[in-house]
Amino acid sequence: MNGPEIHVEFAPELGLFVPHGRRGHATKVVTDGASTLGHVVESLGVPLTEVGALVVDGRVSAFSHVPAEGESVEVRAVERPQRVPGAPLRFLLDVHLGTLARRLRLLGVDTSYESMDIGDAALATRSAAEQRVMLSRDRGLLRRRELWAGAFVYSTRPEDQLRDVLDRFAPELKPWTRCTACNGLLRDATKDEVADQLEGGTRRSYDVFAQCRGCGRAYWKGAHHEKLVAIVERALARGSGSS
């Protein structure tokens, strides 16, 4: 490129996305004179879903700004908690985030999940059609213009993924109200209503049940309940300001 030369500095939180030589200080970037600043930032490795603001020579600028010679650009990370305008906060997760999807549903957060790889274009289109925040570790997917909104999931560990999403978006938590299998809403159910899903030991040992209004799956406080309670309690403690 032979266009204007600018200076770009990335926030420390964005260091994951940029080459080591561009971290921690402003570096020179030669542009083509026609591309928008948003395009330039993405070409340097940072999805715009992770950018909170672009500050050009001390003033906040639009992603559509075309850089001029000598401009200094500060690329800031998104502020937390991040507010998503429009529809109630809902999420869409790709095929690689199944555990995170189940934990968000456990907390009562409206979370759709694709258990099959339907392709980036279809995911982005669904995000827009349903106004869901796309959560993914696929940087290419997060660069798609069709997305309604998106966010990069920084960790590969489900515990850290959940902590990061709750910290970033601060969704309203309503534990034990959604089906972890299909995202449907739960209702109280009698033992007779779910009897066909119960083995003998469960039928004898438990009397309190819930059932998904969507898929019909039955729930009770079984062997893994204490582990689930711990996940819920940690999430609620974070939401109340506890460490």
Protein backbone atom coordinates (compact mmCIF):
# COMPACT_ATOMS: atom_id res chain seq x y z
CA MET A 1 0.00 0.00 0.00
CA ASN A 2 1.25 3.48 -0.86
CA GLY A 3 -1.38 5.57 0.90
CA PRO A 4 -1.27 7.65 4.07
CA GLU A 5 0.91 6.56 6.96
CA ILE A 6 -0.82 6.55 10.35
CA HIS A 7 0.12 5.52 13.88
CA VAL A 8 -2.02 2.90 15.62
CA GLU A 9 -1.97 1.90 19.28
CA PHE A 10 -4.06 -0.98 20.65
CA ALA A 11 -5.44 -1.28 24.16
CA PRO A 12 -3.63 -3.95 26.22
CA GLU A 13 -6.82 -6.05 26.31
CA LEU A 14 -6.55 -6.48 22.53
CA GLY A 15 -3.01 -7.83 22.61
CA LEU A 16 -4.26 -11.35 21.87
CA PHE A 17 -5.25 -10.30 18.36
CA VAL A 18 -2.24 -8.27 17.20
CA PRO A 19 1.33 -9.35 16.39
CA HIS A 20 3.79 -9.08 19.27
CA GLY A 21 5.60 -6.17 17.64
CA ARG A 22 2.46 -4.01 17.72
CA ARG A 23 1.65 -4.56 21.39
CA GLY A 24 2.08 -1.92 24.05
CA HIS A 25 2.97 1.04 21.87
CA ALA A 26 1.95 2.97 18.76
CA THR A 27 3.25 1.56 15.47
CA LYS A 28 3.27 2.83 11.91
CA VAL A 29 0.68 1.52 9.47
CA VAL A 30 0.61 2.38 5.78
CA THR A 31 -2.96 2.45 4.43
CA ASP A 32 -4.27 2.43 0.87
CA GLY A 33 -6.01 5.80 1.15
CA ALA A 34 -9.45 4.33 0.48
CA SER A 35 -10.16 1.72 3.16
CA THR A 36 -12.11 2.71 6.26
CA LEU A 37 -10.46 2.75 9.66
CA GLY A 38 -12.61 -0.19 10.68
CA HIS A 39 -11.24 -2.20 7.75
CA VAL A 40 -7.68 -1.22 8.63
CA VAL A 41 -8.13 -2.35 12.24
CA GLU A 42 -9.60 -5.67 11.16
CA SER A 43 -6.76 -6.18 8.67
CA LEU A 44 -4.39 -5.88 11.64
CA GLY A 45 -6.17 -8.79 13.33
CA VAL A 46 -8.76 -7.26 15.65
CA PRO A 47 -12.47 -8.10 15.11
CA LEU A 48 -14.59 -4.98 15.44
CA THR A 49 -16.78 -6.82 17.97
CA GLU A 50 -13.88 -6.32 20.41
CA VAL A 51 -13.41 -2.60 19.72
CA GLY A 52 -15.11 -0.17 22.07
CA ALA A 53 -14.02 3.02 20.35
CA LEU A 54 -11.62 4.36 17.75
CA VAL A 55 -10.02 7.62 18.88
CA VAL A 56 -8.34 9.64 16.12
CA ASP A 57 -6.13 12.50 17.26
CA GLY A 58 -7.98 12.61 20.56
CA ARG A 59 -11.52 12.47 19.18
CA VAL A 60 -13.82 9.47 18.92
CA SER A 61 -14.26 8.52 15.28
CA ALA A 62 -16.61 6.28 13.33
CA PHE A 63 -15.44 2.95 11.96
CA SER A 64 -16.26 4.40 8.52
CA HIS A 65 -13.63 7.13 8.84
CA VAL A 66 -10.96 7.01 6.09
CA PRO A 67 -7.56 7.66 7.71
CA ALA A 68 -5.50 10.64 6.61
CA GLU A 69 -1.73 11.11 6.62
CA GLY A 70 -0.16 11.40 10.06
CA GLU A 71 -3.25 10.59 12.13
CA SER A 72 -2.80 8.88 15.50
CA VAL A 73 -5.35 6.18 16.24
CA GLU A 74 -6.11 4.68 19.65
CA VAL A 75 -8.02 1.41 19.46
CA ARG A 76 -9.90 0.90 22.72
CA ALA A 77 -11.42 -2.32 24.04
CA VAL A 78 -15.13 -2.62 24.76
CA GLU A 79 -16.26 -1.23 28.08
CA ARG A 80 -17.65 -3.65 30.62
CA PRO A 81 -20.42 -4.30 31.23
CA GLN A 82 -21.18 -3.95 27.53
CA ARG A 83 -24.69 -2.76 26.76
CA VAL A 84 -26.34 -4.22 23.67
CA PRO A 85 -29.08 -1.97 22.27
CA GLY A 86 -32.45 -3.15 21.03
CA ALA A 87 -33.82 -6.59 21.82
CA PRO A 88 -33.59 -8.30 25.23
CA LEU A 89 -30.12 -9.81 25.68
CA ARG A 90 -29.96 -13.19 23.99
CA PHE A 91 -27.04 -15.30 22.78
CA LEU A 92 -26.18 -17.62 19.92
CA LEU A 93 -23.21 -19.98 20.33
CA ASP A 94 -21.38 -21.94 17.68
CA VAL A 95 -20.70 -25.67 17.64
CA HIS A 96 -17.55 -25.43 19.79
CA LEU A 97 -19.22 -23.88 22.85
CA GLY A 98 -21.67 -26.54 23.98
CA THR A 99 -20.64 -26.56 27.64
CA LEU A 100 -20.85 -22.78 27.86
CA ALA A 101 -24.31 -22.91 26.28
CA ARG A 102 -25.56 -25.40 28.88
CA ARG A 103 -24.17 -23.33 31.75
CA LEU A 104 -25.77 -20.12 30.47
CA ARG A 105 -29.09 -21.96 30.17
CA LEU A 106 -28.63 -23.31 33.71
CA LEU A 107 -28.49 -19.67 34.81
CA GLY A 108 -31.68 -18.87 32.91
CA VAL A 109 -30.00 -16.92 30.10
CA ASP A 110 -31.71 -17.22 26.70
CA THR A 111 -29.06 -19.14 24.75
CA SER A 112 -29.34 -20.80 21.35
CA TYR A 113 -26.65 -23.27 20.36
CA GLU A 114 -25.84 -24.96 17.09
CA SER A 115 -24.72 -28.54 17.78
CA MET A 116 -23.73 -28.94 14.11
CA ASP A 117 -21.43 -26.83 11.97
CA ILE A 118 -23.90 -24.97 9.75
CA GLY A 119 -21.33 -22.51 8.44
CA ASP A 120 -20.42 -18.93 9.24
CA ALA A 121 -22.89 -17.39 6.81
CA ALA A 122 -25.86 -19.23 8.32
CA LEU A 123 -24.79 -18.38 11.87
CA ALA A 124 -24.37 -14.69 11.05
CA THR A 125 -27.76 -14.63 9.31
CA ARG A 126 -29.43 -16.25 12.31
CA SER A 127 -27.76 -13.77 14.66
CA ALA A 128 -29.29 -10.93 12.66
CA ALA A 129 -32.72 -12.53 12.20
CA GLU A 130 -33.13 -13.34 15.92
CA GLN A 131 -31.12 -10.36 17.25
CA ARG A 132 -28.78 -12.58 19.23
CA VAL A 133 -25.22 -11.82 20.30
CA MET A 134 -22.95 -14.29 18.50
CA LEU A 135 -20.40 -15.84 20.86
CA SER A 136 -17.50 -17.58 19.17
CA ARG A 137 -13.74 -18.15 19.12
CA ASP A 138 -13.82 -17.94 15.31
CA ARG A 139 -12.40 -14.54 14.37
CA GLY A 140 -13.53 -14.92 10.78
CA LEU A 141 -17.13 -15.44 11.87
CA LEU A 142 -17.00 -12.34 14.07
CA ARG A 143 -15.86 -10.26 11.09
CA ARG A 144 -18.97 -11.03 9.06
CA ARG A 145 -21.02 -7.92 8.31
CA GLU A 146 -24.35 -9.77 8.68
CA LEU A 147 -23.89 -10.22 12.43
CA TRP A 148 -26.31 -8.33 14.63
CA ALA A 149 -23.74 -8.30 17.44
CA GLY A 150 -20.89 -10.54 18.49
CA ALA A 151 -18.17 -11.23 21.03
CA PHE A 152 -14.98 -13.27 21.07
CA VAL A 153 -14.78 -15.96 23.74
CA TYR A 154 -11.27 -15.58 25.09
CA SER A 155 -10.72 -18.84 26.97
CA THR A 156 -10.96 -22.52 26.10
CA ARG A 157 -11.99 -23.43 29.69
CA PRO A 158 -15.77 -23.43 30.32
CA GLU A 159 -15.36 -21.93 33.81
CA ASP A 160 -13.39 -18.99 32.44
CA GLN A 161 -15.70 -18.64 29.44
CA LEU A 162 -18.74 -18.31 31.68
CA ARG A 163 -16.98 -15.83 33.96
CA ASP A 164 -15.95 -13.72 30.96
CA VAL A 165 -19.42 -13.63 29.39
CA LEU A 166 -21.08 -12.73 32.70
CA ASP A 167 -18.50 -10.00 33.32
CA ARG A 168 -18.79 -8.57 29.82
CA PHE A 169 -22.58 -8.54 29.40
CA ALA A 170 -23.99 -8.80 32.95
CA PRO A 171 -27.11 -10.70 31.77
CA GLU A 172 -30.07 -11.06 34.09
CA LEU A 173 -29.81 -14.44 35.81
CA LYS A 174 -32.85 -16.63 36.47
CA PRO A 175 -31.38 -19.98 37.53
CA TRP A 176 -33.29 -23.22 37.10
CA THR A 177 -35.81 -21.76 34.66
CA ARG A 178 -34.48 -23.09 31.32
CA CYS A 179 -33.87 -26.49 29.80
CA THR A 180 -30.13 -27.06 29.43
CA ALA A 181 -30.81 -29.32 26.44
CA CYS A 182 -33.02 -27.10 24.24
CA ASN A 183 -33.29 -23.67 25.95
CA GLY A 184 -37.03 -24.07 26.54
CA LEU A 185 -38.70 -22.79 29.69
CA LEU A 186 -39.30 -25.15 32.62
CA ARG A 187 -42.49 -25.74 34.58
CA ASP A 188 -43.23 -27.66 37.75
CA ALA A 189 -44.31 -31.22 37.04
CA THR A 190 -45.76 -34.10 39.02
CA LYS A 191 -44.07 -37.48 39.23
CA ASP A 192 -46.88 -39.00 37.18
CA GLU A 193 -46.32 -36.50 34.36
CA VAL A 194 -42.68 -37.52 33.94
CA ALA A 195 -42.97 -41.16 35.03
CA ASP A 196 -41.98 -42.49 31.61
CA GLN A 197 -38.54 -40.85 31.97
CA LEU A 198 -37.78 -42.20 35.45
CA GLU A 199 -35.92 -45.35 36.38
CA GLY A 200 -36.97 -47.31 39.45
CA GLY A 201 -34.46 -45.77 41.85
CA THR A 202 -35.25 -42.25 40.77
CA ARG A 203 -38.98 -42.88 41.03
CA ARG A 204 -38.56 -44.08 44.61
CA SER A 205 -36.08 -41.41 45.75
CA TYR A 206 -37.41 -38.15 44.32
CA ASP A 207 -40.73 -36.33 44.48
CA VAL A 208 -39.98 -32.85 43.08
CA PHE A 209 -39.70 -32.48 39.32
CA ALA A 210 -39.67 -29.93 36.54
CA GLN A 211 -40.31 -30.44 32.85
CA CYS A 212 -39.34 -28.49 29.75
CA ARG A 213 -42.30 -26.90 28.00
CA GLY A 214 -40.50 -27.37 24.70
CA CYS A 215 -38.86 -30.79 24.49
CA GLY A 216 -40.56 -32.43 27.51
CA ARG A 217 -37.33 -33.37 29.27
CA ALA A 218 -37.70 -34.03 33.00
CA TYR A 219 -35.44 -32.56 35.71
CA TRP A 220 -34.88 -33.43 39.37
CA LYS A 221 -32.16 -32.93 42.00
CA GLY A 222 -30.05 -35.91 41.03
CA ALA A 223 -26.42 -36.94 41.51
CA HIS A 224 -24.94 -33.89 39.79
CA HIS A 225 -27.13 -31.33 41.52
CA GLU A 226 -24.47 -30.14 43.99
CA LYS A 227 -22.06 -29.38 41.14
CA LEU A 228 -24.76 -27.37 39.37
CA VAL A 229 -25.63 -25.52 42.57
CA ALA A 230 -21.98 -24.49 42.91
CA ILE A 231 -21.96 -23.06 39.37
CA VAL A 232 -25.15 -21.12 40.08
CA GLU A 233 -23.94 -19.80 43.43
CA ARG A 234 -20.64 -18.56 41.97
CA ALA A 235 -22.47 -16.77 39.18
CA LEU A 236 -24.94 -15.12 41.55
CA ALA A 237 -22.10 -14.04 43.84
CA ARG A 238 -20.35 -12.33 40.94
CA GLY A 239 -23.55 -10.58 40.00
CA SER A 240 -23.99 -9.25 43.52
CA GLY A 241 -20.47 -7.82 43.54
CA SER A 242 -18.77 -10.58 45.50
CA SER A 243 -15.38 -11.87 44.40
